[in-house]
Each structure stands twice: as structure tokens, then as C-alpha cells.
Amino acid sequence: MLFNTLRYAEFFAAVFVGSWALVRFAGIRARVVFLLLVSYGFYAAWDWRYLPLIFASSTVDFLLARAIARETRPRARRAMLIATVALNLGFLGFFKYWNFALENAAALRALLTGEPASVGHAFRVLLPPVGISFFTFESMSYVIDVYRGELPPHRSYLRYLLFVAFFPHLVAGPIVRPRDLLPQFERAPSLTREEGGEGLFLVAIGLVKKVVLSDQLALNLVDRVFERPENYSALEVLAGVYGYAAQIYCDFSGYTDIAIGSALLLGVRFPKNFDAPYKAQNLADFWRRWHISLSTWLRDYLYIPLGGNRGSELATYRNLMITMLLGGLWHGASWNFVFWGFLHGLGLAVTRAFQRAVKRRRSGAEGEGAGRAARSSLAGFPIRALCVLLTFHYVCLAWIFFRVPTFSQAVLILRQIGTLTTFHPNLPPVLVGLLAVALLSHYVPERLYERARGAFIAAPAPLQGALLFLVAVSLHEAASAAAVPFVYFQF
């Protein structure tokens, strides 16, 4: 992991110097071309064979959006929209789900014929391109926005290519909307002292989340427990489940912090993608805090077009379930991900039903006395704490199916927790401390985080450098010999 971090630091330093030098001496267009080339180079470093795919996909969507904007006939515009959606989902489906479809077809054939289930290697495709789920959604949203009349077609082909391929968010998000990013490539970038300090602060925080918290929890607890849960007590397995909840949050939000900080240092601001999700009081609140760019994308481009909550209650629950099932499938070609989506869809439906029942009850009790209102206020905090606790554990239950490769492994984990054994030789104090820091940091008041960020931004440059040096030392001490890839790179 440290080696990869150093490579990224060297790459980013070169991009930073080159980008701002071009702004000063050659102009905005030269900077756009430079960032596009280095972004394609960044992507090619993962697998150069897929570089034509992202280029062709971006080009087709750019041209179709312009054609849709020129066309006045509704049927023709709708046909072109269907074409772009079909092409994007076709690319995504082929590279990400083809092998999954073959395996399920082979399993079904084996069930019907009694023959062994097997798929020839000749029928399999290569591993999915890194970040295909992210850049596909971004490019599709642009064409849909143009079709809806919410966004004019962009004039610059190069800037549109850069919007899709911009390296800080290319491989694992956040999913940036065209209306948020494209205008920033049109104007001259700026970098104030405050923005530079904020960018460095975010990168440092992201690296600490990833290397010190996420990787250590993964290597020393989560991977071991999920691989052989039968070797651990119920308490240790439960700690492993909590550990995965902490790992995936620190890993993904850490990557997002690095992406947002890196973009900010280049004069580009990304939207917020996480907001203390384990502080959520219900599942709807969780999805307002977790992977915000994905949840809002699914809301705007899937849930609302399906009808949202405009129809009957039954139709609303159906729309919630379809959205979350497809959201689960978006994460990976596995029935485990689909079941994870089902659990969240079910939870969201129950949350909505409960909230509507409470609302009806409150509206019917508006005339009751002030004494009851005071008692309700006093009971508010325990009830909120209980809601947070229940929501967190439901999310952890769903994370089990997200993490394991098979349903049988998930059942094994749940059975082991059910043994209620409590010996814990595999939970040293340092590991428990890391887990506590990763989870309890959600409940630190937001004002304390803002004060720390503000203090770093306001600090003199030598003090900032000293603090960043201490972070680098801690990263060096915590980094493992084996690189631990970011969890969301697989999606």
C-alpha cells in the first residue's frame, strides 16, 4: 500500500506542477488537454486495453447528446436516448455481468439435465474495466439531462472527455454530475491558500482512514474472521462484522477524501460523498449519508422515473425495491449483492411504513397537553440512540452478505455468532482501539472536525508541513508489506 501511495504522490506532484504551469503560461485549453492526457495515462496504467472503451463511450454520448438537443421530433429524441442508454448498459452488462450470466445459465442447465455445471474459458470475457460502473453512470446522466432539457449540450468535446476521465474520480467516484463539473473546466481555475490547506487536510485524513484504520482492520481482523469464522468465538466474529463495517467506511470514505482533496488542489471541487453514515437513525437517513453521489443518482435516474412516491403505497414500495435490487446488482455480479440490495429495499419500505404510521398518530394527537410533549422531549435522546443502534446493526447484517462470496458462508457467520461464546484471544487491545476509533469517530460533534480543519488551514506553512510529516511517518509505520486495494475498485 505504501508503495502505491508513493507512486500516486509522485504522479500527482507532477500533474500539480504541470497543470498550474500551463494555466500560467499556456492557458486553460492547454491545461484541459494536459489533464485529459494524464487522466487517460492514469487509466491505461490499470489496463491499457480498456482505454478505447472509455474513449468510445464518451465520444458516442457526446455526439448523441448534441443530436438529441438539435432534434425536435419527440419519437426521434426518445429513440436516441434509448440508444445511448442501451449502449452504456450494454457495455456495462457485457463486461461486468457476462460471466455471471454464463455461470447462472450453466447452473440452470445442470439442474435441468443433471450434467455437471461448467463454462468454457473460451466463452468468458476479461475482467471488468476498473471504474466502469462509475464512468458509465456519469456519461449516461449527461445525455439524460440534455434529453430532459435540464442541461444544454456541451460545446467542447475535449472538456467533455475530461469530465468523464478526470483521474481523481475516475476509478471509484464520487459520481460527479455534469452540471457540477463541466462548468469548472470552462473557467480559469484558482487555488487560494485556504483551498490548498483544505485539499492537503483531506488527502491526509483520507490516507489515515485507509492505511492506519481500514487496512489494519482488514488484515488483522476482518479477512481472517470472514475466511474461517468457525475458528473464532461469537464475540470475535461479531467484532469481525463490526470491523468490516468500519473497514468499508474508512476505505471508501478515505478514497473519497483523497479524490476530493486531489481535485481541490487542481482547482476543482467535488461534492461531499459521506456524512457519518453510522449516525443514521433509520435506513432512509443512512442512504442520505452513505455514498451520497450514488444514492442521489439512483433516486434521480431510477427511482423517480419509475414513479417514485407519486403513486399508491404499494407502487412506492415496489419502486424502492426495484431501485435497491438494481443498486445491489450495480455493485457486482453476484446474488449476494442482489440480496444485499433486497435487505436495504425491505428496510427502506419498513422505514417508510413506520414513519407514515407515526405521522398519522401524531396528527391525531395534536390536541394533547403540554405535559406529554415535555415527556416526549425528555425521552427523545434514548429513542434516537436506540434507533441509531438498531439501524447500525441492520446495516451490519446486510454487510455480511455484501462481504462474503457465498450464502453458505454468510449462514456460517450468523451461526457462529449464535453460539454466544465470548473468549477473545484474537482481539488485542490495539485492534479493539482501532475499531473503536473508526466507529466512534462518527459521533464526534461536527464542530470539532470543522475546528480541526480550520486550525490546519489557518496554520503557518511550516507547521502544516510538520503535521503532514508526522502523518507520513504514521503511514510508514502502519503500512503493510502487502498492498490492500481499495474496496470499491472492484465496482
Protein backbone atom coordinates (compact mmCIF):
# COMPACT_ATOMS: atom_id res chain seq x y z
CA MET A 1 0.00 0.00 0.00
CA LEU A 2 2.81 2.43 0.87
CA PHE A 3 4.50 1.80 -2.47
CA ASN A 4 1.25 2.56 -4.29
CA THR A 5 0.77 5.68 -2.18
CA LEU A 6 4.25 6.90 -3.04
CA ARG A 7 3.64 6.27 -6.71
CA TYR A 8 0.42 8.26 -6.58
CA ALA A 9 2.17 11.07 -4.70
CA GLU A 10 4.88 11.26 -7.36
CA PHE A 11 2.31 11.16 -10.16
CA PHE A 12 0.14 13.81 -8.53
CA ALA A 13 3.08 16.10 -7.81
CA ALA A 14 4.00 16.06 -11.50
CA VAL A 15 0.38 16.71 -12.54
CA PHE A 16 0.05 19.53 -9.99
CA VAL A 17 3.17 21.34 -11.22
CA GLY A 18 2.35 20.77 -14.90
CA SER A 19 -1.28 21.83 -14.56
CA TRP A 20 -0.64 25.13 -12.81
CA ALA A 21 2.36 25.92 -15.02
CA LEU A 22 0.17 25.51 -18.09
CA VAL A 23 -2.53 27.74 -16.59
CA ARG A 24 0.01 30.49 -16.14
CA PHE A 25 1.99 30.21 -19.36
CA ALA A 26 -0.23 28.47 -21.95
CA GLY A 27 -3.86 29.00 -20.97
CA ILE A 28 -6.92 26.98 -19.94
CA ARG A 29 -7.20 24.92 -23.12
CA ALA A 30 -3.65 23.63 -22.79
CA ARG A 31 -4.43 22.65 -19.19
CA VAL A 32 -7.54 20.76 -20.33
CA VAL A 33 -5.52 18.82 -22.92
CA PHE A 34 -2.80 18.08 -20.35
CA LEU A 35 -5.28 16.83 -17.71
CA LEU A 36 -7.06 14.70 -20.31
CA LEU A 37 -3.79 13.06 -21.41
CA VAL A 38 -2.63 12.35 -17.85
CA SER A 39 -6.11 11.03 -16.95
CA TYR A 40 -6.00 8.61 -19.88
CA GLY A 41 -2.47 7.67 -18.87
CA PHE A 42 -3.65 7.07 -15.31
CA TYR A 43 -6.41 4.78 -16.59
CA ALA A 44 -4.09 3.00 -19.03
CA ALA A 45 -1.77 2.19 -16.11
CA TRP A 46 -4.53 -0.08 -14.76
CA ASP A 47 -5.19 -1.83 -18.07
CA TRP A 48 -4.41 -0.11 -21.38
CA ARG A 49 -6.68 -2.49 -23.32
CA TYR A 50 -9.78 -0.72 -21.96
CA LEU A 51 -8.67 2.79 -22.88
CA PRO A 52 -10.52 2.66 -26.25
CA LEU A 53 -13.70 1.70 -24.36
CA ILE A 54 -13.84 4.81 -22.19
CA PHE A 55 -12.88 6.99 -25.18
CA ALA A 56 -15.53 5.45 -27.48
CA SER A 57 -18.24 5.53 -24.81
CA SER A 58 -17.57 9.21 -24.07
CA THR A 59 -17.49 10.12 -27.77
CA VAL A 60 -20.77 8.39 -28.58
CA ASP A 61 -22.56 10.04 -25.65
CA PHE A 62 -21.18 13.47 -26.57
CA LEU A 63 -22.41 13.15 -30.17
CA LEU A 64 -25.79 11.67 -29.24
CA ALA A 65 -26.46 14.41 -26.71
CA ARG A 66 -25.80 17.07 -29.36
CA ALA A 67 -28.06 15.23 -31.79
CA ILE A 68 -30.83 14.98 -29.16
CA ALA A 69 -30.59 18.72 -28.49
CA ARG A 70 -30.94 19.53 -32.22
CA GLU A 71 -33.83 17.14 -32.82
CA THR A 72 -37.38 18.40 -32.33
CA ARG A 73 -39.36 15.23 -33.04
CA PRO A 74 -40.22 13.51 -29.73
CA ARG A 75 -40.01 9.98 -31.12
CA ALA A 76 -36.59 10.57 -32.67
CA ARG A 77 -35.27 12.13 -29.46
CA ARG A 78 -36.60 9.21 -27.45
CA ALA A 79 -35.02 6.73 -29.86
CA MET A 80 -31.61 8.38 -29.49
CA LEU A 81 -31.96 8.38 -25.70
CA ILE A 82 -32.80 4.68 -25.77
CA ALA A 83 -29.78 4.12 -28.00
CA THR A 84 -27.36 5.79 -25.58
CA VAL A 85 -28.84 4.02 -22.55
CA ALA A 86 -28.69 0.69 -24.40
CA LEU A 87 -25.08 1.25 -25.44
CA ASN A 88 -23.94 2.25 -21.96
CA LEU A 89 -25.81 -0.52 -20.20
CA GLY A 90 -24.71 -2.91 -22.94
CA PHE A 91 -21.05 -2.14 -22.28
CA LEU A 92 -21.62 -2.39 -18.54
CA GLY A 93 -23.62 -5.60 -18.82
CA PHE A 94 -21.19 -7.33 -21.15
CA PHE A 95 -18.01 -6.61 -19.25
CA LYS A 96 -19.43 -6.85 -15.74
CA TYR A 97 -22.22 -9.44 -15.96
CA TRP A 98 -21.45 -11.70 -18.92
CA ASN A 99 -19.53 -14.24 -16.85
CA PHE A 100 -22.24 -14.09 -14.17
CA ALA A 101 -24.91 -14.81 -16.79
CA LEU A 102 -22.92 -17.74 -18.17
CA GLU A 103 -22.45 -19.26 -14.72
CA ASN A 104 -26.17 -19.00 -13.93
CA ALA A 105 -27.11 -20.45 -17.33
CA ALA A 106 -24.73 -23.36 -16.72
CA ALA A 107 -26.18 -23.91 -13.24
CA LEU A 108 -29.72 -23.90 -14.64
CA ARG A 109 -28.77 -26.33 -17.41
CA ALA A 110 -27.16 -28.63 -14.83
CA LEU A 111 -30.30 -28.51 -12.72
CA LEU A 112 -32.50 -29.45 -15.67
CA THR A 113 -30.25 -32.07 -17.26
CA GLY A 114 -28.26 -33.44 -14.33
CA GLU A 115 -24.98 -32.73 -16.14
CA PRO A 116 -22.07 -31.02 -14.34
CA ALA A 117 -22.22 -27.22 -14.45
CA SER A 118 -19.27 -25.84 -16.40
CA VAL A 119 -18.47 -22.79 -18.50
CA GLY A 120 -15.72 -23.00 -21.09
CA HIS A 121 -12.94 -20.46 -20.84
CA ALA A 122 -13.50 -19.51 -24.48
CA PHE A 123 -16.89 -18.03 -23.57
CA ARG A 124 -15.63 -15.89 -20.69
CA VAL A 125 -14.67 -12.24 -21.08
CA LEU A 126 -11.83 -10.32 -19.50
CA LEU A 127 -12.11 -8.86 -16.02
CA PRO A 128 -14.33 -5.75 -15.96
CA PRO A 129 -12.61 -2.44 -16.67
CA VAL A 130 -11.74 -0.54 -13.49
CA GLY A 131 -14.37 2.10 -12.67
CA ILE A 132 -16.76 1.12 -15.47
CA SER A 133 -19.77 1.43 -13.15
CA PHE A 134 -18.79 4.98 -12.24
CA PHE A 135 -17.93 6.48 -15.62
CA THR A 136 -20.91 4.75 -17.27
CA PHE A 137 -23.33 6.37 -14.82
CA GLU A 138 -21.69 9.78 -15.22
CA SER A 139 -21.80 9.70 -19.00
CA MET A 140 -25.39 8.43 -19.06
CA SER A 141 -26.54 11.14 -16.69
CA TYR A 142 -25.20 13.79 -19.08
CA VAL A 143 -27.27 12.52 -22.02
CA ILE A 144 -30.37 12.11 -19.85
CA ASP A 145 -30.01 15.66 -18.52
CA VAL A 146 -29.73 17.01 -22.06
CA TYR A 147 -32.78 14.99 -23.11
CA ARG A 148 -34.79 16.38 -20.18
CA GLY A 149 -33.76 19.93 -21.06
CA GLU A 150 -32.01 20.36 -17.71
CA LEU A 151 -28.61 20.87 -19.32
CA PRO A 152 -27.55 22.32 -22.68
CA PRO A 153 -25.25 20.13 -24.81
CA HIS A 154 -21.65 20.95 -24.04
CA ARG A 155 -19.74 22.76 -26.77
CA SER A 156 -16.25 21.41 -26.05
CA TYR A 157 -15.51 17.80 -26.99
CA LEU A 158 -12.19 17.83 -25.09
CA ARG A 159 -13.75 19.17 -21.91
CA TYR A 160 -16.46 16.52 -22.07
CA LEU A 161 -13.85 13.78 -22.46
CA LEU A 162 -12.07 15.23 -19.42
CA PHE A 163 -15.32 15.30 -17.43
CA VAL A 164 -15.68 11.54 -17.87
CA ALA A 165 -11.99 10.63 -17.46
CA PHE A 166 -10.77 13.15 -14.83
CA PHE A 167 -8.46 10.90 -12.81
CA PRO A 168 -9.30 11.81 -9.17
CA HIS A 169 -12.83 10.38 -9.51
CA LEU A 170 -12.33 8.02 -12.44
CA VAL A 171 -11.92 4.61 -10.82
CA ALA A 172 -14.10 4.81 -7.69
CA GLY A 173 -16.10 8.01 -7.72
CA PRO A 174 -17.65 10.09 -6.40
CA ILE A 175 -20.17 10.09 -9.25
CA VAL A 176 -19.94 13.75 -10.25
CA ARG A 177 -22.85 15.30 -12.15
CA PRO A 178 -22.04 17.07 -15.44
CA ARG A 179 -23.73 20.26 -14.22
CA ASP A 180 -21.28 20.34 -11.27
CA LEU A 181 -18.04 19.54 -13.09
CA LEU A 182 -18.25 20.77 -16.70
CA PRO A 183 -18.60 24.48 -15.80
CA GLN A 184 -15.43 24.22 -13.69
CA PHE A 185 -13.43 23.19 -16.77
CA GLU A 186 -14.76 26.22 -18.64
CA ARG A 187 -13.38 28.89 -16.34
CA ALA A 188 -9.86 29.71 -15.23
CA PRO A 189 -9.02 27.66 -12.12
CA SER A 190 -7.89 29.23 -8.89
CA LEU A 191 -6.21 27.91 -5.78
CA THR A 192 -6.32 30.03 -2.65
CA ARG A 193 -4.26 29.34 0.44
CA GLU A 194 -7.44 28.15 2.19
CA GLU A 195 -8.34 25.75 -0.64
CA GLY A 196 -4.80 24.39 -0.73
CA GLY A 197 -4.84 23.79 3.01
CA GLU A 198 -8.24 22.10 2.78
CA GLY A 199 -7.05 19.84 -0.04
CA LEU A 200 -3.94 18.76 1.89
CA PHE A 201 -6.04 18.18 5.02
CA LEU A 202 -8.50 15.96 3.12
CA VAL A 203 -5.73 13.92 1.48
CA ALA A 204 -4.03 13.39 4.85
CA ILE A 205 -7.29 12.38 6.57
CA GLY A 206 -8.11 10.02 3.70
CA LEU A 207 -4.73 8.30 3.88
CA VAL A 208 -5.02 7.85 7.65
CA LYS A 209 -8.50 6.32 7.22
CA LYS A 210 -7.22 3.95 4.55
CA VAL A 211 -3.77 2.91 5.77
CA VAL A 212 -4.00 3.22 9.55
CA LEU A 213 -7.61 2.15 10.13
CA SER A 214 -9.08 0.27 7.15
CA ASP A 215 -6.03 -1.77 6.15
CA GLN A 216 -5.12 -2.75 9.71
CA LEU A 217 -8.67 -3.87 10.46
CA ALA A 218 -8.80 -5.81 7.20
CA LEU A 219 -5.51 -7.65 7.64
CA ASN A 220 -5.67 -8.34 11.37
CA LEU A 221 -9.36 -9.00 11.91
CA VAL A 222 -11.87 -8.87 9.05
CA ASP A 223 -10.15 -11.05 6.43
CA ARG A 224 -9.30 -13.74 8.99
CA VAL A 225 -12.78 -13.89 10.53
CA PHE A 226 -14.66 -13.92 7.23
CA GLU A 227 -12.35 -16.59 5.76
CA ARG A 228 -12.71 -19.09 8.64
CA PRO A 229 -15.46 -17.95 11.03
CA GLU A 230 -15.64 -21.40 12.63
CA ASN A 231 -12.19 -20.79 14.17
CA TYR A 232 -13.39 -17.82 16.20
CA SER A 233 -15.78 -17.20 19.07
CA ALA A 234 -19.10 -15.44 18.65
CA LEU A 235 -17.62 -12.29 20.17
CA GLU A 236 -14.68 -12.34 17.74
CA VAL A 237 -16.94 -12.96 14.72
CA LEU A 238 -19.21 -10.12 15.81
CA ALA A 239 -16.12 -7.92 16.14
CA GLY A 240 -15.17 -9.00 12.61
CA VAL A 241 -18.59 -7.90 11.31
CA TYR A 242 -18.24 -4.56 13.10
CA GLY A 243 -14.71 -4.43 11.73
CA TYR A 244 -15.95 -4.80 8.17
CA ALA A 245 -18.48 -2.01 8.70
CA ALA A 246 -15.60 0.18 9.87
CA GLN A 247 -13.23 -1.07 7.15
CA ILE A 248 -15.52 -0.40 4.20
CA TYR A 249 -16.43 3.04 5.53
CA CYS A 250 -12.82 4.09 6.23
CA ASP A 251 -11.68 2.58 2.93
CA PHE A 252 -14.30 4.18 0.69
CA SER A 253 -14.65 7.50 2.50
CA GLY A 254 -10.85 7.62 2.71
CA TYR A 255 -10.60 7.23 -1.06
CA THR A 256 -13.27 9.90 -1.47
CA ASP A 257 -11.35 12.29 0.80
CA ILE A 258 -8.20 11.72 -1.28
CA ALA A 259 -10.15 12.24 -4.51
CA ILE A 260 -11.85 15.43 -3.28
CA GLY A 261 -8.58 16.77 -1.85
CA SER A 262 -6.60 15.96 -5.01
CA ALA A 263 -9.21 17.64 -7.23
CA LEU A 264 -9.30 20.68 -4.95
CA LEU A 265 -5.52 21.07 -5.26
CA LEU A 266 -6.07 21.20 -9.03
CA GLY A 267 -8.72 23.90 -8.69
CA VAL A 268 -11.76 21.58 -8.98
CA ARG A 269 -14.33 20.97 -6.24
CA PHE A 270 -16.23 17.68 -5.94
CA PRO A 271 -19.45 17.27 -3.92
CA LYS A 272 -19.49 15.63 -0.50
CA ASN A 273 -19.95 11.85 -0.62
CA PHE A 274 -20.19 10.76 3.04
CA ASP A 275 -21.73 12.26 6.15
CA ALA A 276 -21.17 9.99 9.20
CA PRO A 277 -23.47 7.22 7.88
CA TYR A 278 -23.41 5.12 11.04
CA LYS A 279 -25.02 8.03 12.89
CA ALA A 280 -28.18 7.45 10.85
CA GLN A 281 -31.43 6.93 12.78
CA ASN A 282 -33.06 4.87 10.01
CA LEU A 283 -32.21 3.40 6.62
CA ALA A 284 -33.52 6.40 4.68
CA ASP A 285 -31.20 8.56 6.77
CA PHE A 286 -28.36 6.09 6.15
CA TRP A 287 -28.72 6.49 2.38
CA ARG A 288 -28.72 10.26 2.75
CA ARG A 289 -25.30 9.87 4.37
CA TRP A 290 -23.68 6.86 2.63
CA HIS A 291 -22.23 7.14 -0.90
CA ILE A 292 -24.36 10.23 -1.45
CA SER A 293 -23.43 10.56 -5.13
CA LEU A 294 -24.74 7.04 -5.87
CA SER A 295 -27.88 7.28 -3.75
CA THR A 296 -28.89 10.59 -5.36
CA TRP A 297 -28.10 9.18 -8.82
CA LEU A 298 -30.34 6.17 -8.19
CA ARG A 299 -33.05 8.49 -6.85
CA ASP A 300 -32.97 10.92 -9.80
CA TYR A 301 -32.40 8.49 -12.68
CA LEU A 302 -34.12 5.31 -11.49
CA TYR A 303 -36.48 5.73 -8.52
CA ILE A 304 -38.21 8.92 -9.70
CA PRO A 305 -38.57 7.77 -13.35
CA LEU A 306 -40.13 4.54 -12.04
CA GLY A 307 -42.75 6.70 -10.37
CA GLY A 308 -41.11 7.43 -7.02
CA ASN A 309 -43.73 8.00 -4.36
CA ARG A 310 -46.27 9.59 -6.69
CA GLY A 311 -48.49 6.53 -6.96
CA SER A 312 -50.03 4.20 -4.42
CA GLU A 313 -48.16 2.99 -1.36
CA LEU A 314 -47.75 -0.44 -2.95
CA ALA A 315 -46.23 1.16 -6.08
CA THR A 316 -43.87 3.19 -3.90
CA TYR A 317 -42.64 0.06 -2.11
CA ARG A 318 -42.20 -1.64 -5.48
CA ASN A 319 -40.14 1.28 -6.76
CA LEU A 320 -37.98 1.25 -3.63
CA MET A 321 -37.35 -2.47 -4.00
CA ILE A 322 -36.51 -2.29 -7.72
CA THR A 323 -34.13 0.60 -7.09
CA MET A 324 -32.26 -1.16 -4.31
CA LEU A 325 -32.15 -4.53 -6.11
CA LEU A 326 -30.57 -2.84 -9.13
CA GLY A 327 -28.34 -0.83 -6.80
CA GLY A 328 -27.14 -4.08 -5.30
CA LEU A 329 -26.51 -5.59 -8.73
CA TRP A 330 -24.60 -2.41 -9.70
CA HIS A 331 -22.07 -3.28 -7.01
CA GLY A 332 -21.20 -6.64 -8.50
CA ALA A 333 -22.21 -9.71 -10.47
CA SER A 334 -23.32 -11.88 -7.56
CA TRP A 335 -26.59 -12.94 -5.97
CA ASN A 336 -25.09 -11.85 -2.65
CA PHE A 337 -25.10 -8.24 -3.85
CA VAL A 338 -28.66 -8.62 -5.07
CA PHE A 339 -29.69 -9.96 -1.66
CA TRP A 340 -27.85 -7.05 0.00
CA GLY A 341 -29.95 -4.72 -2.16
CA PHE A 342 -33.09 -6.67 -1.20
CA LEU A 343 -32.34 -6.21 2.51
CA HIS A 344 -31.94 -2.47 2.03
CA GLY A 345 -35.07 -2.25 -0.12
CA LEU A 346 -37.04 -4.14 2.51
CA GLY A 347 -35.61 -1.95 5.26
CA LEU A 348 -36.47 1.24 3.38
CA ALA A 349 -40.03 0.02 2.80
CA VAL A 350 -40.49 -0.82 6.50
CA THR A 351 -38.97 2.55 7.45
CA ARG A 352 -41.40 4.38 5.21
CA ALA A 353 -44.39 2.43 6.52
CA PHE A 354 -43.36 3.08 10.12
CA GLN A 355 -42.79 6.81 9.52
CA ARG A 356 -46.18 7.19 7.87
CA ALA A 357 -47.86 5.37 10.78
CA VAL A 358 -46.11 7.65 13.31
CA LYS A 359 -47.10 10.72 11.30
CA ARG A 360 -50.76 9.69 11.31
CA ARG A 361 -50.62 9.03 15.04
CA ARG A 362 -49.04 12.41 15.75
CA SER A 363 -51.54 14.26 13.58
CA GLY A 364 -54.33 12.63 15.56
CA ALA A 365 -52.81 13.63 18.89
CA GLU A 366 -52.14 17.32 18.19
CA GLY A 367 -54.64 18.43 20.80
CA GLU A 368 -52.99 16.66 23.75
CA GLY A 369 -51.48 18.62 26.64
CA ALA A 370 -48.08 20.20 27.03
CA GLY A 371 -47.12 17.71 29.75
CA ARG A 372 -47.00 14.87 27.28
CA ALA A 373 -44.95 16.98 24.85
CA ALA A 374 -42.41 17.65 27.61
CA ARG A 375 -42.15 13.96 28.46
CA SER A 376 -41.71 13.16 24.76
CA SER A 377 -38.89 15.70 24.57
CA LEU A 378 -37.13 14.16 27.57
CA ALA A 379 -37.44 10.69 26.03
CA GLY A 380 -36.13 11.90 22.69
CA PHE A 381 -32.44 11.13 23.17
CA PRO A 382 -32.84 7.49 24.35
CA ILE A 383 -35.22 6.82 21.48
CA ARG A 384 -32.83 8.38 18.95
CA ALA A 385 -29.92 6.38 20.40
CA LEU A 386 -31.95 3.17 20.14
CA CYS A 387 -32.83 3.99 16.51
CA VAL A 388 -29.16 4.57 15.69
CA LEU A 389 -28.21 1.27 17.35
CA LEU A 390 -30.89 -0.71 15.51
CA THR A 391 -30.08 0.89 12.16
CA PHE A 392 -26.37 0.21 12.57
CA HIS A 393 -26.94 -3.46 13.33
CA TYR A 394 -29.31 -3.88 10.40
CA VAL A 395 -26.71 -2.32 8.11
CA CYS A 396 -24.08 -4.68 9.59
CA LEU A 397 -26.35 -7.66 8.91
CA ALA A 398 -26.58 -6.57 5.27
CA TRP A 399 -22.79 -6.01 5.12
CA ILE A 400 -22.27 -9.71 5.87
CA PHE A 401 -23.91 -10.65 2.57
CA PHE A 402 -22.03 -7.85 0.81
CA ARG A 403 -18.67 -9.19 2.02
CA VAL A 404 -18.94 -12.99 1.73
CA PRO A 405 -18.62 -14.86 -1.59
CA THR A 406 -21.47 -17.32 -0.91
CA PHE A 407 -24.70 -17.55 1.06
CA SER A 408 -23.39 -20.60 2.91
CA GLN A 409 -20.51 -18.50 4.24
CA ALA A 410 -22.98 -15.88 5.47
CA VAL A 411 -25.03 -18.55 7.22
CA LEU A 412 -21.87 -19.91 8.83
CA ILE A 413 -21.03 -16.45 10.20
CA LEU A 414 -24.55 -15.98 11.60
CA ARG A 415 -24.49 -19.45 13.18
CA GLN A 416 -21.15 -18.75 14.80
CA ILE A 417 -22.49 -15.52 16.28
CA GLY A 418 -25.43 -17.55 17.57
CA THR A 419 -23.12 -19.73 19.69
CA LEU A 420 -22.76 -16.75 22.08
CA THR A 421 -19.20 -17.77 23.01
CA THR A 422 -17.11 -14.93 24.45
CA PHE A 423 -13.44 -15.97 24.58
CA HIS A 424 -11.40 -13.43 22.62
CA PRO A 425 -7.66 -14.13 22.37
CA ASN A 426 -7.70 -12.67 18.83
CA LEU A 427 -8.86 -9.23 19.97
CA PRO A 428 -5.78 -7.47 21.35
CA PRO A 429 -6.33 -4.01 22.88
CA VAL A 430 -4.65 -2.21 19.97
CA LEU A 431 -7.07 -3.79 17.48
CA VAL A 432 -10.08 -3.03 19.67
CA GLY A 433 -8.82 0.55 19.96
CA LEU A 434 -8.58 0.92 16.18
CA LEU A 435 -12.10 -0.45 15.77
CA ALA A 436 -13.42 1.92 18.43
CA VAL A 437 -11.75 4.93 16.80
CA ALA A 438 -13.11 4.00 13.37
CA LEU A 439 -16.70 3.68 14.62
CA LEU A 440 -16.90 6.24 17.42
CA SER A 441 -15.45 8.96 15.19
CA HIS A 442 -18.95 9.13 13.65
CA TYR A 443 -20.27 10.59 16.89
CA VAL A 444 -17.67 13.30 17.32
CA PRO A 445 -19.52 16.64 17.03
CA GLU A 446 -19.21 18.15 13.56
CA ARG A 447 -17.97 21.42 15.05
CA LEU A 448 -14.84 19.68 16.41
CA TYR A 449 -13.97 18.36 12.96
CA GLU A 450 -14.55 21.81 11.48
CA ARG A 451 -12.32 23.37 14.14
CA ALA A 452 -9.51 20.91 13.38
CA ARG A 453 -9.84 21.55 9.66
CA GLY A 454 -9.94 25.30 10.19
CA ALA A 455 -6.92 25.19 12.51
CA PHE A 456 -4.89 23.27 9.92
CA ILE A 457 -5.90 25.63 7.12
CA ALA A 458 -5.01 28.68 9.24
CA ALA A 459 -1.69 27.24 10.46
CA PRO A 460 1.57 28.64 9.00
CA ALA A 461 3.07 26.63 6.16
CA PRO A 462 5.99 25.28 8.29
CA LEU A 463 3.53 23.94 10.88
CA GLN A 464 1.38 22.39 8.14
CA GLY A 465 4.49 20.73 6.75
CA ALA A 466 5.45 19.38 10.17
CA LEU A 467 1.97 17.93 10.70
CA LEU A 468 1.97 16.33 7.26
CA PHE A 469 5.41 14.86 8.01
CA LEU A 470 4.01 13.27 11.18
CA VAL A 471 1.16 11.83 9.12
CA ALA A 472 3.68 10.43 6.61
CA VAL A 473 5.64 8.79 9.45
CA SER A 474 2.47 7.20 10.86
CA LEU A 475 1.56 5.94 7.41
CA HIS A 476 5.01 4.41 7.01
CA GLU A 477 4.74 2.66 10.37
CA ALA A 478 1.21 1.40 9.74
CA ALA A 479 1.61 0.37 6.09
CA SER A 480 1.65 -3.38 5.45
CA ALA A 481 4.06 -5.12 3.12
CA ALA A 482 1.15 -6.36 1.01
CA ALA A 483 -0.87 -3.72 -0.80
CA VAL A 484 -4.55 -3.71 0.18
CA PRO A 485 -6.59 -2.42 -2.78
CA PHE A 486 -9.45 -0.01 -2.25
CA VAL A 487 -12.68 -1.97 -1.80
CA TYR A 488 -14.64 0.00 -4.40
CA PHE A 489 -12.02 -0.51 -7.11
CA GLN A 490 -13.83 -3.79 -7.89
CA PHE A 491 -17.07 -1.96 -8.72
